Amino acid sequence: MLKLRQSEFSPGILAFGLSLALTLTQPLLAKSDSRIACPPYESIEQEIVQLAEEFPDWVDHIRYGSSNEGRELHLLRLAKKGLASAPGAVRQAVYIDGVIHGNEYLHIEDRLPRYFLENRETLPQLKTFLDQGGVVYMVPIFNPDGYAAHQRGNANGKDLNRDFPLLIKNHQGLHEIETQDFVAYLEEDLRRDNRKLALSMNYHCCDGSLLEPWSVNGFELPPTDLAAHQVIGELVRKILGTEYRVGKTSDILATTHAGTAKDYFYEHHHALAFTFEGLRASEDRNFSKHVQLWERIFAVLNHPQP
């Protein structure tokens, strides 16, 4: 079994944890639907800047826009720099984000970047993915205004996870600056480097499930796409536990919504696309299992089935 190594408790991680512990109060916890302690957004910004300074050969810090209230929107782009690629070669990309709903912080998505960077040489599947030219895009806090206000929507009260385009429902999306700036950056970066988005994972709370496309009624995944999604679902249940449910949103949550990030990534990029719904008040204690899960996910991407 993969276990967390000593480097998880590096000075950077310890400082981040100390900042979190010193700045939180019980009233703050009560305002978050996840019931998981939330550090100030500024602390997470500082961690992102620090990672780029510590690992300049492996990570680019991208400020891809600003929120409605003027907070910078941050993305980490993890890749092995200096790799030559054959003309016309298409390389894989993975996208991970959290807190598109401002009150659903899990304290998983913000710890993964440092752990990946500090342990890349001892995580064999991640190492292979990067050595083959793969890139991992990571947005720890997608909705900083909602996060700062401990609310689901952004500063305009809009649900950003309903603001992505969805052609099959004639849903335009991209009305909010946070989604506009993100999509503009990602589309251009993928196009410029001739990359294919292979998988996306949006971290949410608090159902304890892995949701596949679709979030709208009346549509089913083709059998081959469904089987590929189910491979990841089986990994979640094996590693995190059989209490986690797996299926499409309309079946698991009995709700339907147009404009989710998951459906956008599947429809527009034909990526394996998921919403991970963590457990309220406890998902942060499963960090080591999430590291194991990502190693297995990278193994799947490194060895695609014909």
Foldseek 3Di string as FASTA:
>chain_A
DDFDDPCLCPPLNVVLVVQQVVPDDPVVLVLAQQSDGDGAPVSLVVSLVVVCVVCVQFWDWDQLDAFPVGHTFIKIKGAHPPDDDDPPDAAEEEEEEEALFQRFQQLQLSSVVVSCVVCVVVLVLSVLSRVVTYMYMGGHHLANQNNNVSGGHHPVRDRQQQQADDVVVRRHGPPGPSVVSVVVVVVVVCVVVNYAHAEYEYEGADQQEKAFDDLAPDDDDPPVLVVVLVVLRVLCCVLVHVVYYYYHNCVRVVHHGHRGPQNNCCVVRVHGGIYGYHHRPPRNVCNRSVSVSVSVVSVCVSDPDD
